[in-house]
């Protein structure tokens, strides 16, 4: 973690909470192998967009925490897609949803929307850990925690005042960064990916197409 910490604008603290989440992912060996396979399709998209918006590349690991890298993931609360946008938040960034189409499931459009949202949050908090907390809990909950902590603006100092889910969110992000970089130390290796980014192309259609015909 110290090596990673020295090469990122994030603060990758080693403490009992982050260690607990590292141990959790260490036990989820099959899931980790799946994540390592799926990243071949999605990380190039994330990296390109993060560089465009001048955001830390470590954010490419966030959709693992959010959606296990599944573009059709949907939470009990209705958050959808790789970046788990709620309907109203997604709509604010142009991710329209109707009976036929939900752009929150679009890997390209949702990634750009996430970059815009993260940029907006950073302008408010000027701290990457607080950006993560606000991404998960919303700015209102983070602001409330800052007030309860006497105006402190460091994640671990407002940690006790955050919602329980958010207390585990940043440690999970730290842990997944660690495990994705050091999986070989635990003899965890990727499954064979279904498709890699270099083997996937985009085609443009001018009218509705029956996907049965496409398949």
N, C-alpha and C. Protein backbone atom coordinates (compact mmCIF):
# COMPACT_ATOMS: atom_id res chain seq x y z
N UNK A 1 0.83 -1.21 0.00
CA UNK A 1 0.00 0.00 0.00
C UNK A 1 0.86 1.26 0.00
N UNK A 2 1.99 1.18 0.66
CA UNK A 2 2.88 2.35 0.69
C UNK A 2 3.39 2.67 -0.71
N UNK A 3 3.70 1.63 -1.47
CA UNK A 3 4.16 1.82 -2.86
C UNK A 3 3.05 2.49 -3.68
N UNK A 4 1.83 1.98 -3.56
CA UNK A 4 0.71 2.57 -4.29
C UNK A 4 0.46 4.00 -3.83
N UNK A 5 0.55 4.22 -2.52
CA UNK A 5 0.28 5.54 -1.95
C UNK A 5 1.24 6.59 -2.49
N UNK A 6 2.47 6.17 -2.73
CA UNK A 6 3.49 7.11 -3.24
C UNK A 6 3.29 7.46 -4.70
N UNK A 7 2.40 6.74 -5.37
CA UNK A 7 2.21 6.95 -6.80
C UNK A 7 0.79 7.37 -7.16
N UNK A 8 0.09 7.94 -6.20
CA UNK A 8 -1.29 8.34 -6.44
C UNK A 8 -1.64 9.57 -5.62
N UNK A 9 -2.57 10.40 -6.11
CA UNK A 9 -3.04 11.53 -5.29
C UNK A 9 -3.99 11.09 -4.18
N UNK A 10 -4.42 9.83 -4.21
CA UNK A 10 -5.23 9.30 -3.11
C UNK A 10 -4.34 9.02 -1.90
N UNK A 11 -4.97 8.92 -0.73
CA UNK A 11 -4.26 8.49 0.48
C UNK A 11 -4.66 7.05 0.77
N UNK A 12 -3.75 6.12 0.47
CA UNK A 12 -4.03 4.71 0.70
C UNK A 12 -3.51 4.33 2.08
N UNK A 13 -4.33 4.58 3.10
CA UNK A 13 -3.93 4.31 4.48
C UNK A 13 -3.99 2.82 4.77
N UNK A 14 -2.98 2.35 5.48
CA UNK A 14 -3.01 0.98 6.00
C UNK A 14 -3.48 1.05 7.45
N UNK A 15 -4.65 0.51 7.71
CA UNK A 15 -5.20 0.50 9.06
C UNK A 15 -6.10 -0.73 9.18
N UNK A 16 -6.63 -1.00 10.36
CA UNK A 16 -7.45 -2.22 10.53
C UNK A 16 -8.64 -2.30 9.58
N UNK A 17 -9.21 -1.15 9.23
CA UNK A 17 -10.39 -1.17 8.35
C UNK A 17 -10.00 -1.55 6.92
N UNK A 18 -8.97 -0.89 6.38
CA UNK A 18 -8.54 -1.23 5.02
C UNK A 18 -8.01 -2.66 4.96
N UNK A 19 -7.34 -3.11 6.02
CA UNK A 19 -6.84 -4.49 6.06
C UNK A 19 -8.00 -5.48 6.04
N UNK A 20 -9.07 -5.15 6.75
CA UNK A 20 -10.26 -6.02 6.78
C UNK A 20 -10.82 -6.22 5.37
N UNK A 21 -10.84 -5.15 4.58
CA UNK A 21 -11.39 -5.25 3.22
C UNK A 21 -10.42 -5.96 2.28
N UNK A 22 -9.12 -5.78 2.50
CA UNK A 22 -8.14 -6.54 1.71
C UNK A 22 -8.34 -8.04 1.96
N UNK A 23 -8.51 -8.42 3.23
CA UNK A 23 -8.73 -9.83 3.57
C UNK A 23 -10.03 -10.35 2.94
N UNK A 24 -11.05 -9.47 2.88
CA UNK A 24 -12.33 -9.87 2.28
C UNK A 24 -12.15 -10.20 0.80
N UNK A 25 -11.47 -9.31 0.05
CA UNK A 25 -11.26 -9.56 -1.38
C UNK A 25 -10.31 -10.73 -1.60
N UNK A 26 -9.37 -10.91 -0.68
CA UNK A 26 -8.44 -12.03 -0.79
C UNK A 26 -9.19 -13.36 -0.77
N UNK A 27 -10.27 -13.42 0.02
CA UNK A 27 -11.06 -14.65 0.12
C UNK A 27 -11.96 -14.85 -1.10
N UNK A 28 -12.28 -13.76 -1.79
CA UNK A 28 -13.17 -13.85 -2.95
C UNK A 28 -12.35 -14.12 -4.22
N UNK A 29 -11.70 -15.24 -4.24
CA UNK A 29 -10.73 -15.54 -5.29
C UNK A 29 -11.39 -15.63 -6.67
N UNK A 30 -12.54 -16.29 -6.74
CA UNK A 30 -13.23 -16.44 -8.03
C UNK A 30 -13.67 -15.08 -8.55
N UNK A 31 -14.24 -14.27 -7.66
CA UNK A 31 -14.67 -12.92 -8.07
C UNK A 31 -13.49 -12.11 -8.58
N UNK A 32 -12.37 -12.17 -7.88
CA UNK A 32 -11.18 -11.42 -8.30
C UNK A 32 -10.73 -11.88 -9.69
N UNK A 33 -10.78 -13.19 -9.94
CA UNK A 33 -10.39 -13.71 -11.27
C UNK A 33 -11.32 -13.19 -12.35
N UNK A 34 -12.61 -13.07 -12.02
CA UNK A 34 -13.59 -12.52 -12.96
C UNK A 34 -13.31 -11.04 -13.22
N UNK A 35 -13.02 -10.28 -12.16
CA UNK A 35 -12.71 -8.85 -12.33
C UNK A 35 -11.49 -8.68 -13.23
N UNK A 36 -10.49 -9.50 -13.03
CA UNK A 36 -9.25 -9.40 -13.82
C UNK A 36 -9.51 -9.70 -15.29
N UNK A 37 -10.51 -10.56 -15.56
CA UNK A 37 -10.88 -10.85 -16.95
C UNK A 37 -11.69 -9.72 -17.55
N UNK A 38 -12.68 -9.24 -16.80
CA UNK A 38 -13.56 -8.19 -17.32
C UNK A 38 -12.84 -6.88 -17.58
N UNK A 39 -11.78 -6.61 -16.85
CA UNK A 39 -11.08 -5.33 -17.03
C UNK A 39 -10.52 -5.20 -18.44
N UNK A 40 -10.28 -6.31 -19.12
CA UNK A 40 -9.74 -6.24 -20.48
C UNK A 40 -10.71 -5.55 -21.44
N UNK A 41 -11.99 -5.65 -21.14
CA UNK A 41 -12.99 -5.01 -22.01
C UNK A 41 -13.25 -3.57 -21.61
N UNK A 42 -13.14 -3.26 -20.32
CA UNK A 42 -13.62 -1.96 -19.84
C UNK A 42 -12.54 -0.96 -19.45
N UNK A 43 -11.40 -1.42 -18.96
CA UNK A 43 -10.39 -0.48 -18.48
C UNK A 43 -9.89 0.48 -19.56
N UNK A 44 -9.70 0.04 -20.81
CA UNK A 44 -9.27 1.02 -21.83
C UNK A 44 -10.28 2.16 -22.01
N UNK A 45 -11.57 1.87 -21.88
CA UNK A 45 -12.59 2.91 -21.96
C UNK A 45 -12.44 3.88 -20.79
N UNK A 46 -12.30 3.32 -19.59
CA UNK A 46 -12.17 4.15 -18.39
C UNK A 46 -10.91 5.01 -18.45
N UNK A 47 -9.80 4.40 -18.82
CA UNK A 47 -8.52 5.12 -18.83
C UNK A 47 -8.54 6.28 -19.81
N UNK A 48 -9.09 6.04 -20.99
CA UNK A 48 -9.15 7.10 -22.01
C UNK A 48 -9.96 8.29 -21.50
N UNK A 49 -11.10 8.02 -20.87
CA UNK A 49 -11.97 9.09 -20.40
C UNK A 49 -11.38 9.80 -19.17
N UNK A 50 -10.78 9.04 -18.26
CA UNK A 50 -10.16 9.64 -17.08
C UNK A 50 -9.01 10.57 -17.48
N UNK A 51 -8.23 10.16 -18.47
CA UNK A 51 -7.15 11.02 -18.96
C UNK A 51 -7.71 12.28 -19.61
N UNK A 52 -8.81 12.13 -20.35
CA UNK A 52 -9.44 13.28 -21.00
C UNK A 52 -9.86 14.33 -19.96
N UNK A 53 -10.38 13.87 -18.82
CA UNK A 53 -10.87 14.78 -17.80
C UNK A 53 -9.82 15.07 -16.71
N UNK A 54 -8.59 14.56 -16.94
CA UNK A 54 -7.46 14.80 -16.01
C UNK A 54 -7.79 14.35 -14.59
N UNK A 55 -8.36 13.17 -14.50
CA UNK A 55 -8.70 12.56 -13.22
C UNK A 55 -7.72 11.43 -12.91
N UNK A 56 -7.52 11.11 -11.64
CA UNK A 56 -6.60 10.01 -11.29
C UNK A 56 -7.03 8.70 -11.93
N UNK A 57 -6.08 7.99 -12.51
CA UNK A 57 -6.40 6.74 -13.20
C UNK A 57 -6.89 5.66 -12.24
N UNK A 58 -6.62 5.82 -10.95
CA UNK A 58 -7.09 4.83 -9.98
C UNK A 58 -8.61 4.73 -9.95
N UNK A 59 -9.31 5.74 -10.46
CA UNK A 59 -10.77 5.68 -10.51
C UNK A 59 -11.26 4.54 -11.40
N UNK A 60 -10.39 3.98 -12.25
CA UNK A 60 -10.83 2.88 -13.11
C UNK A 60 -11.25 1.67 -12.28
N UNK A 61 -10.79 1.61 -11.02
CA UNK A 61 -11.17 0.49 -10.15
C UNK A 61 -12.51 0.71 -9.47
N UNK A 62 -13.05 1.91 -9.53
CA UNK A 62 -14.29 2.22 -8.83
C UNK A 62 -15.47 1.38 -9.32
N UNK A 63 -15.64 1.14 -10.63
CA UNK A 63 -16.77 0.31 -11.07
C UNK A 63 -16.71 -1.14 -10.57
N UNK A 64 -15.54 -1.60 -10.12
CA UNK A 64 -15.49 -2.93 -9.50
C UNK A 64 -16.25 -2.89 -8.18
N UNK A 65 -15.99 -1.84 -7.40
CA UNK A 65 -16.70 -1.68 -6.12
C UNK A 65 -18.18 -1.44 -6.38
N UNK A 66 -18.49 -0.65 -7.40
CA UNK A 66 -19.86 -0.25 -7.67
C UNK A 66 -20.71 -1.38 -8.27
N UNK A 67 -20.18 -2.04 -9.30
CA UNK A 67 -21.03 -2.92 -10.11
C UNK A 67 -20.39 -4.26 -10.45
N UNK A 68 -19.20 -4.55 -9.90
CA UNK A 68 -18.47 -5.76 -10.28
C UNK A 68 -18.20 -5.80 -11.79
N UNK A 69 -18.07 -4.61 -12.39
CA UNK A 69 -17.81 -4.45 -13.82
C UNK A 69 -18.90 -5.09 -14.69
N UNK A 70 -20.16 -4.93 -14.24
CA UNK A 70 -21.30 -5.43 -15.04
C UNK A 70 -22.14 -4.23 -15.49
N UNK A 71 -22.20 -3.95 -16.80
CA UNK A 71 -22.92 -2.78 -17.28
C UNK A 71 -24.43 -2.85 -17.07
N UNK A 72 -24.97 -4.06 -16.82
CA UNK A 72 -26.41 -4.18 -16.59
C UNK A 72 -26.74 -4.32 -15.10
N UNK A 73 -25.75 -4.07 -14.23
CA UNK A 73 -25.98 -4.20 -12.79
C UNK A 73 -27.03 -3.19 -12.32
N UNK A 74 -27.88 -3.63 -11.42
CA UNK A 74 -28.90 -2.74 -10.86
C UNK A 74 -29.02 -3.01 -9.36
N UNK A 75 -28.95 -1.96 -8.56
CA UNK A 75 -29.01 -2.11 -7.11
C UNK A 75 -30.46 -2.14 -6.65
N UNK A 76 -30.65 -2.49 -5.37
CA UNK A 76 -31.99 -2.52 -4.80
C UNK A 76 -32.63 -1.13 -4.83
N UNK A 77 -31.78 -0.08 -4.82
CA UNK A 77 -32.31 1.30 -4.80
C UNK A 77 -32.58 1.84 -6.21
N UNK A 78 -32.18 1.05 -7.24
CA UNK A 78 -32.43 1.49 -8.61
C UNK A 78 -31.22 2.09 -9.31
N UNK A 79 -30.07 2.13 -8.61
CA UNK A 79 -28.84 2.58 -9.27
C UNK A 79 -28.46 1.56 -10.33
N UNK A 80 -28.03 2.05 -11.50
CA UNK A 80 -27.87 1.17 -12.66
C UNK A 80 -26.56 1.43 -13.39
N UNK A 81 -26.00 0.36 -13.97
CA UNK A 81 -24.85 0.48 -14.85
C UNK A 81 -23.52 0.28 -14.15
N UNK A 82 -22.46 0.38 -14.93
CA UNK A 82 -21.10 0.21 -14.41
C UNK A 82 -20.81 1.15 -13.25
N UNK A 83 -21.28 2.39 -13.38
CA UNK A 83 -20.99 3.43 -12.39
C UNK A 83 -22.15 3.66 -11.42
N UNK A 84 -23.20 2.85 -11.54
CA UNK A 84 -24.33 2.85 -10.61
C UNK A 84 -24.96 4.23 -10.42
N UNK A 85 -25.41 4.80 -11.52
CA UNK A 85 -26.10 6.09 -11.47
C UNK A 85 -27.56 5.90 -11.06
N UNK A 86 -28.02 6.74 -10.13
CA UNK A 86 -29.45 6.85 -9.87
C UNK A 86 -30.08 7.60 -11.04
N UNK A 87 -31.39 7.45 -11.21
CA UNK A 87 -32.06 8.03 -12.37
C UNK A 87 -31.84 9.54 -12.48
N UNK A 88 -32.10 10.28 -11.40
CA UNK A 88 -32.01 11.74 -11.47
C UNK A 88 -30.58 12.23 -11.68
N UNK A 89 -29.62 11.57 -11.02
CA UNK A 89 -28.22 11.96 -11.20
C UNK A 89 -27.79 11.69 -12.63
N UNK A 90 -28.16 10.53 -13.15
CA UNK A 90 -27.82 10.21 -14.54
C UNK A 90 -28.42 11.20 -15.51
N UNK A 91 -29.67 11.57 -15.28
CA UNK A 91 -30.35 12.51 -16.18
C UNK A 91 -29.64 13.86 -16.21
N UNK A 92 -29.09 14.27 -15.04
CA UNK A 92 -28.36 15.55 -14.97
C UNK A 92 -27.18 15.56 -15.93
N UNK A 93 -26.61 14.37 -16.21
CA UNK A 93 -25.44 14.29 -17.08
C UNK A 93 -25.79 13.70 -18.45
N UNK A 94 -27.05 13.75 -18.81
CA UNK A 94 -27.45 13.33 -20.15
C UNK A 94 -27.71 11.85 -20.32
N UNK A 95 -27.79 11.11 -19.24
CA UNK A 95 -28.05 9.67 -19.34
C UNK A 95 -29.56 9.44 -19.28
N UNK A 96 -30.20 9.62 -20.42
CA UNK A 96 -31.65 9.48 -20.49
C UNK A 96 -32.06 8.01 -20.34
N UNK A 97 -33.21 7.80 -19.77
CA UNK A 97 -33.74 6.44 -19.62
C UNK A 97 -35.22 6.45 -19.96
N UNK A 98 -35.65 5.50 -20.81
CA UNK A 98 -37.07 5.36 -21.12
C UNK A 98 -37.39 3.87 -21.23
N UNK A 99 -38.53 3.55 -21.79
CA UNK A 99 -38.96 2.15 -21.85
C UNK A 99 -38.09 1.29 -22.76
N UNK A 100 -37.38 1.94 -23.71
CA UNK A 100 -36.57 1.18 -24.66
C UNK A 100 -35.07 1.26 -24.39
N UNK A 101 -34.64 2.34 -23.76
CA UNK A 101 -33.20 2.58 -23.68
C UNK A 101 -32.85 3.19 -22.33
N UNK A 102 -31.76 2.73 -21.74
CA UNK A 102 -31.26 3.30 -20.50
C UNK A 102 -29.77 3.56 -20.68
N UNK A 103 -29.43 4.84 -20.90
CA UNK A 103 -28.04 5.18 -21.21
C UNK A 103 -27.11 4.99 -20.02
N UNK A 104 -27.66 4.76 -18.83
CA UNK A 104 -26.80 4.44 -17.69
C UNK A 104 -26.07 3.12 -17.91
N UNK A 105 -26.59 2.30 -18.81
CA UNK A 105 -25.97 1.01 -19.13
C UNK A 105 -24.93 1.11 -20.25
N UNK A 106 -24.81 2.27 -20.84
CA UNK A 106 -23.85 2.48 -21.94
C UNK A 106 -22.46 2.70 -21.34
N UNK A 107 -21.50 1.81 -21.61
CA UNK A 107 -20.17 1.96 -20.99
C UNK A 107 -19.49 3.28 -21.32
N UNK A 108 -19.64 3.77 -22.54
CA UNK A 108 -18.97 5.00 -22.95
C UNK A 108 -19.64 6.23 -22.32
N UNK A 109 -20.95 6.34 -22.52
CA UNK A 109 -21.67 7.52 -22.04
C UNK A 109 -21.69 7.59 -20.51
N UNK A 110 -21.85 6.44 -19.85
CA UNK A 110 -21.87 6.45 -18.39
C UNK A 110 -20.50 6.78 -17.81
N UNK A 111 -19.44 6.35 -18.49
CA UNK A 111 -18.09 6.67 -18.01
C UNK A 111 -17.82 8.16 -18.12
N UNK A 112 -18.24 8.76 -19.24
CA UNK A 112 -18.06 10.21 -19.37
C UNK A 112 -18.89 10.96 -18.33
N UNK A 113 -20.11 10.49 -18.08
CA UNK A 113 -20.95 11.12 -17.06
C UNK A 113 -20.30 11.00 -15.69
N UNK A 114 -19.72 9.84 -15.39
CA UNK A 114 -19.04 9.65 -14.11
C UNK A 114 -17.87 10.60 -13.96
N UNK A 115 -17.12 10.79 -15.03
CA UNK A 115 -15.97 11.72 -15.01
C UNK A 115 -16.44 13.15 -14.74
N UNK A 116 -17.54 13.54 -15.35
CA UNK A 116 -18.08 14.89 -15.11
C UNK A 116 -18.54 15.03 -13.66
N UNK A 117 -19.16 13.99 -13.15
CA UNK A 117 -19.65 14.02 -11.77
C UNK A 117 -18.49 14.07 -10.77
N UNK A 118 -17.46 13.27 -11.00
CA UNK A 118 -16.28 13.25 -10.12
C UNK A 118 -15.56 14.60 -10.16
N UNK A 119 -15.48 15.20 -11.35
CA UNK A 119 -14.86 16.51 -11.49
C UNK A 119 -15.63 17.56 -10.69
N UNK A 120 -16.94 17.48 -10.80
CA UNK A 120 -17.79 18.43 -10.06
C UNK A 120 -17.61 18.27 -8.55
N UNK A 121 -17.55 17.02 -8.08
CA UNK A 121 -17.38 16.77 -6.65
C UNK A 121 -16.01 17.27 -6.16
N UNK A 122 -14.98 17.12 -7.01
CA UNK A 122 -13.65 17.57 -6.59
C UNK A 122 -13.59 19.09 -6.45
N UNK A 123 -14.32 19.79 -7.29
CA UNK A 123 -14.36 21.25 -7.18
C UNK A 123 -14.95 21.67 -5.83
N UNK A 124 -15.82 20.84 -5.28
CA UNK A 124 -16.44 21.13 -3.99
C UNK A 124 -15.54 20.77 -2.82
N UNK A 125 -14.91 19.57 -2.88
CA UNK A 125 -14.22 19.04 -1.69
C UNK A 125 -12.70 19.12 -1.73
N UNK A 126 -12.11 19.20 -2.92
CA UNK A 126 -10.66 19.31 -3.05
C UNK A 126 -9.92 18.18 -2.33
N UNK A 127 -10.55 17.03 -2.23
CA UNK A 127 -9.97 15.88 -1.52
C UNK A 127 -10.57 14.62 -2.14
N UNK A 128 -9.70 13.73 -2.63
CA UNK A 128 -10.18 12.60 -3.42
C UNK A 128 -10.96 11.60 -2.58
N UNK A 129 -10.60 11.42 -1.30
CA UNK A 129 -11.34 10.49 -0.46
C UNK A 129 -12.75 11.02 -0.19
N UNK A 130 -12.86 12.34 0.02
CA UNK A 130 -14.18 12.93 0.22
C UNK A 130 -15.01 12.87 -1.07
N UNK A 131 -14.34 12.96 -2.21
CA UNK A 131 -15.03 12.79 -3.49
C UNK A 131 -15.67 11.39 -3.56
N UNK A 132 -14.89 10.38 -3.17
CA UNK A 132 -15.42 9.02 -3.15
C UNK A 132 -16.61 8.90 -2.20
N UNK A 133 -16.46 9.48 -1.00
CA UNK A 133 -17.54 9.41 -0.02
C UNK A 133 -18.80 10.09 -0.54
N UNK A 134 -18.64 11.25 -1.20
CA UNK A 134 -19.78 11.98 -1.74
C UNK A 134 -20.39 11.24 -2.93
N UNK A 135 -19.56 10.56 -3.72
CA UNK A 135 -20.06 9.76 -4.84
C UNK A 135 -21.00 8.68 -4.31
N UNK A 136 -20.65 8.11 -3.17
CA UNK A 136 -21.44 7.02 -2.60
C UNK A 136 -22.64 7.52 -1.81
N UNK A 137 -22.42 8.49 -0.92
CA UNK A 137 -23.46 8.89 0.03
C UNK A 137 -24.19 10.15 -0.35
N UNK A 138 -23.65 10.90 -1.31
CA UNK A 138 -24.22 12.20 -1.64
C UNK A 138 -23.57 13.30 -0.83
N UNK A 139 -23.53 14.49 -1.40
CA UNK A 139 -22.86 15.61 -0.75
C UNK A 139 -23.47 15.99 0.59
N UNK A 140 -24.80 15.83 0.71
CA UNK A 140 -25.47 16.19 1.96
C UNK A 140 -24.95 15.42 3.14
N UNK A 141 -24.78 14.10 2.98
CA UNK A 141 -24.28 13.26 4.06
C UNK A 141 -22.83 13.57 4.41
N UNK A 142 -22.04 13.88 3.39
CA UNK A 142 -20.63 14.23 3.65
C UNK A 142 -20.55 15.57 4.37
N UNK A 143 -21.34 16.54 3.94
CA UNK A 143 -21.35 17.85 4.60
C UNK A 143 -21.78 17.73 6.06
N UNK A 144 -22.76 16.87 6.31
CA UNK A 144 -23.23 16.65 7.67
C UNK A 144 -22.11 16.05 8.53
N UNK A 145 -21.38 15.07 7.96
CA UNK A 145 -20.28 14.44 8.68
C UNK A 145 -19.16 15.44 8.97
N UNK A 146 -18.88 16.33 8.01
CA UNK A 146 -17.86 17.36 8.22
C UNK A 146 -18.26 18.28 9.38
N UNK A 147 -19.53 18.66 9.42
CA UNK A 147 -20.00 19.52 10.51
C UNK A 147 -19.88 18.82 11.86
N UNK A 148 -20.27 17.54 11.91
CA UNK A 148 -20.21 16.78 13.16
C UNK A 148 -18.77 16.57 13.63
N UNK A 149 -17.84 16.56 12.66
CA UNK A 149 -16.41 16.39 12.98
C UNK A 149 -15.73 17.71 13.27
N UNK A 150 -16.52 18.77 13.43
CA UNK A 150 -15.96 20.07 13.77
C UNK A 150 -15.28 20.76 12.61
N UNK A 151 -15.75 20.46 11.38
CA UNK A 151 -15.18 21.13 10.21
C UNK A 151 -14.00 20.41 9.59
N UNK A 152 -13.64 19.25 10.12
CA UNK A 152 -12.53 18.47 9.55
C UNK A 152 -12.88 18.03 8.13
N UNK A 153 -11.88 18.05 7.23
CA UNK A 153 -12.12 17.65 5.85
C UNK A 153 -11.15 16.55 5.41
N UNK A 154 -10.97 15.60 6.31
CA UNK A 154 -10.16 14.43 6.02
C UNK A 154 -11.03 13.20 6.27
N UNK A 155 -10.99 12.24 5.33
CA UNK A 155 -11.92 11.12 5.38
C UNK A 155 -11.91 10.39 6.72
N UNK A 156 -10.72 10.02 7.22
CA UNK A 156 -10.67 9.21 8.43
C UNK A 156 -11.11 9.99 9.66
N UNK A 157 -11.12 11.32 9.58
CA UNK A 157 -11.59 12.12 10.72
C UNK A 157 -13.11 12.28 10.71
N UNK A 158 -13.72 12.21 9.53
CA UNK A 158 -15.18 12.27 9.48
C UNK A 158 -15.79 10.86 9.41
N UNK A 159 -14.93 9.85 9.31
CA UNK A 159 -15.33 8.45 9.16
C UNK A 159 -16.45 8.04 10.13
N UNK A 160 -16.35 8.32 11.45
CA UNK A 160 -17.39 7.84 12.39
C UNK A 160 -18.76 8.46 12.14
N UNK A 161 -18.81 9.57 11.43
CA UNK A 161 -20.06 10.30 11.24
C UNK A 161 -20.71 10.02 9.90
N UNK A 162 -20.09 9.19 9.09
CA UNK A 162 -20.64 8.85 7.77
C UNK A 162 -21.63 7.70 7.89
N UNK A 163 -22.55 7.57 6.91
CA UNK A 163 -23.43 6.39 6.90
C UNK A 163 -22.60 5.11 6.87
N UNK A 164 -23.14 4.05 7.45
CA UNK A 164 -22.37 2.81 7.61
C UNK A 164 -21.84 2.29 6.27
N UNK A 165 -22.67 2.34 5.23
CA UNK A 165 -22.23 1.86 3.91
C UNK A 165 -21.01 2.64 3.41
N UNK A 166 -21.03 3.95 3.64
CA UNK A 166 -19.95 4.81 3.16
C UNK A 166 -18.68 4.60 3.99
N UNK A 167 -18.84 4.19 5.24
CA UNK A 167 -17.66 3.88 6.06
C UNK A 167 -16.84 2.76 5.43
N UNK A 168 -17.51 1.86 4.72
CA UNK A 168 -16.79 0.77 4.07
C UNK A 168 -16.41 1.05 2.63
N UNK A 169 -16.87 2.17 2.09
CA UNK A 169 -16.72 2.43 0.66
C UNK A 169 -15.28 2.77 0.28
N UNK A 170 -14.69 3.72 1.00
CA UNK A 170 -13.29 4.10 0.70
C UNK A 170 -12.34 2.95 1.03
N UNK A 171 -12.49 2.27 2.19
CA UNK A 171 -11.63 1.10 2.44
C UNK A 171 -11.76 0.03 1.36
N UNK A 172 -12.97 -0.17 0.83
CA UNK A 172 -13.15 -1.14 -0.26
C UNK A 172 -12.41 -0.69 -1.51
N UNK A 173 -12.44 0.62 -1.78
CA UNK A 173 -11.73 1.16 -2.94
C UNK A 173 -10.22 0.98 -2.77
N UNK A 174 -9.71 1.23 -1.57
CA UNK A 174 -8.28 1.02 -1.28
C UNK A 174 -7.94 -0.45 -1.49
N UNK A 175 -8.78 -1.33 -0.95
CA UNK A 175 -8.50 -2.76 -1.02
C UNK A 175 -8.51 -3.28 -2.45
N UNK A 176 -9.47 -2.82 -3.26
CA UNK A 176 -9.54 -3.32 -4.64
C UNK A 176 -8.37 -2.79 -5.46
N UNK A 177 -7.92 -1.57 -5.19
CA UNK A 177 -6.69 -1.08 -5.83
C UNK A 177 -5.52 -1.99 -5.50
N UNK A 178 -5.41 -2.33 -4.24
CA UNK A 178 -4.30 -3.19 -3.80
C UNK A 178 -4.37 -4.58 -4.45
N UNK A 179 -5.55 -5.21 -4.39
CA UNK A 179 -5.67 -6.57 -4.89
C UNK A 179 -5.51 -6.65 -6.40
N UNK A 180 -5.99 -5.64 -7.14
CA UNK A 180 -5.83 -5.67 -8.59
C UNK A 180 -4.38 -5.49 -9.00
N UNK A 181 -3.59 -4.83 -8.16
CA UNK A 181 -2.18 -4.63 -8.47
C UNK A 181 -1.30 -5.77 -7.98
N UNK A 182 -1.73 -6.46 -6.92
CA UNK A 182 -0.88 -7.48 -6.30
C UNK A 182 -1.55 -8.86 -6.24
N UNK A 183 -2.48 -9.12 -7.16
CA UNK A 183 -3.20 -10.39 -7.15
C UNK A 183 -2.28 -11.59 -7.31
N UNK A 184 -1.18 -11.41 -8.04
CA UNK A 184 -0.27 -12.54 -8.25
C UNK A 184 0.39 -12.98 -6.95
N UNK A 185 0.56 -12.04 -6.01
CA UNK A 185 1.13 -12.38 -4.71
C UNK A 185 0.25 -13.40 -3.97
N UNK A 186 -1.03 -13.44 -4.34
CA UNK A 186 -1.99 -14.34 -3.70
C UNK A 186 -2.36 -15.51 -4.61
N UNK A 187 -1.61 -15.64 -5.72
CA UNK A 187 -1.84 -16.71 -6.71
C UNK A 187 -3.28 -16.64 -7.26
N UNK A 188 -3.71 -15.41 -7.51
CA UNK A 188 -5.01 -15.19 -8.15
C UNK A 188 -4.74 -14.69 -9.56
N UNK A 189 -5.34 -15.35 -10.55
CA UNK A 189 -5.07 -15.03 -11.95
C UNK A 189 -6.39 -14.84 -12.70
N UNK A 190 -6.36 -14.07 -13.80
CA UNK A 190 -7.60 -13.79 -14.53
C UNK A 190 -8.15 -15.01 -15.25
N UNK A 191 -9.47 -15.09 -15.31
CA UNK A 191 -10.11 -16.06 -16.20
C UNK A 191 -9.92 -15.58 -17.63
N UNK A 192 -10.18 -16.46 -18.57
CA UNK A 192 -10.10 -16.05 -19.97
C UNK A 192 -11.25 -15.10 -20.27
N UNK A 193 -10.96 -13.84 -20.69
CA UNK A 193 -12.06 -12.90 -20.94
C UNK A 193 -12.91 -13.33 -22.13
N UNK A 194 -14.22 -13.04 -22.03
CA UNK A 194 -15.12 -13.34 -23.15
C UNK A 194 -14.72 -12.52 -24.37
N UNK A 195 -14.39 -11.25 -24.13
CA UNK A 195 -13.92 -10.40 -25.22
C UNK A 195 -12.99 -9.34 -24.65
N UNK A 196 -12.01 -8.96 -25.44
CA UNK A 196 -11.10 -7.90 -25.04
C UNK A 196 -11.43 -6.64 -25.82
N UNK A 197 -11.02 -5.51 -25.27
CA UNK A 197 -11.33 -4.22 -25.88
C UNK A 197 -10.88 -4.17 -27.34
N UNK A 198 -9.69 -4.72 -27.62
CA UNK A 198 -9.14 -4.65 -28.98
C UNK A 198 -9.96 -5.48 -29.97
N UNK A 199 -10.79 -6.38 -29.47
CA UNK A 199 -11.60 -7.23 -30.35
C UNK A 199 -13.04 -6.75 -30.48
N UNK A 200 -13.32 -5.61 -29.89
CA UNK A 200 -14.69 -5.09 -29.91
C UNK A 200 -14.73 -3.81 -30.74
N UNK A 201 -15.73 -3.70 -31.60
CA UNK A 201 -15.86 -2.51 -32.42
C UNK A 201 -17.27 -1.96 -32.29
N UNK A 202 -17.47 -0.76 -32.76
CA UNK A 202 -18.77 -0.11 -32.70
C UNK A 202 -19.31 0.06 -34.11
N UNK A 203 -20.57 -0.27 -34.31
CA UNK A 203 -21.21 -0.02 -35.60
C UNK A 203 -22.36 0.95 -35.37
N UNK A 204 -22.65 1.76 -36.36
CA UNK A 204 -23.75 2.73 -36.27
C UNK A 204 -24.90 2.25 -37.14
N UNK A 205 -26.09 2.28 -36.59
CA UNK A 205 -27.28 1.87 -37.35
C UNK A 205 -28.21 3.07 -37.48
N UNK A 206 -28.94 3.10 -38.57
CA UNK A 206 -29.79 4.26 -38.86
C UNK A 206 -31.26 3.99 -38.54
N UNK A 207 -31.59 2.75 -38.17
CA UNK A 207 -32.98 2.43 -37.81
C UNK A 207 -32.97 1.28 -36.82
N UNK A 208 -34.13 0.97 -36.30
CA UNK A 208 -34.21 -0.11 -35.33
C UNK A 208 -33.80 -1.44 -35.96
N UNK A 209 -33.02 -2.21 -35.20
CA UNK A 209 -32.52 -3.48 -35.70
C UNK A 209 -32.94 -4.59 -34.75
N UNK A 210 -33.45 -5.67 -35.30
CA UNK A 210 -33.82 -6.83 -34.49
C UNK A 210 -32.55 -7.54 -34.04
N UNK A 211 -32.34 -7.61 -32.74
CA UNK A 211 -31.09 -8.21 -32.24
C UNK A 211 -31.03 -9.73 -32.50
N UNK A 212 -32.17 -10.36 -32.76
CA UNK A 212 -32.15 -11.75 -33.15
C UNK A 212 -31.45 -11.91 -34.49
N UNK A 213 -31.72 -10.97 -35.41
CA UNK A 213 -31.04 -10.99 -36.70
C UNK A 213 -29.55 -10.75 -36.54
N UNK A 214 -29.20 -9.81 -35.67
CA UNK A 214 -27.80 -9.50 -35.44
C UNK A 214 -27.06 -10.74 -34.92
N UNK A 215 -27.67 -11.42 -33.94
CA UNK A 215 -27.02 -12.60 -33.36
C UNK A 215 -26.94 -13.73 -34.37
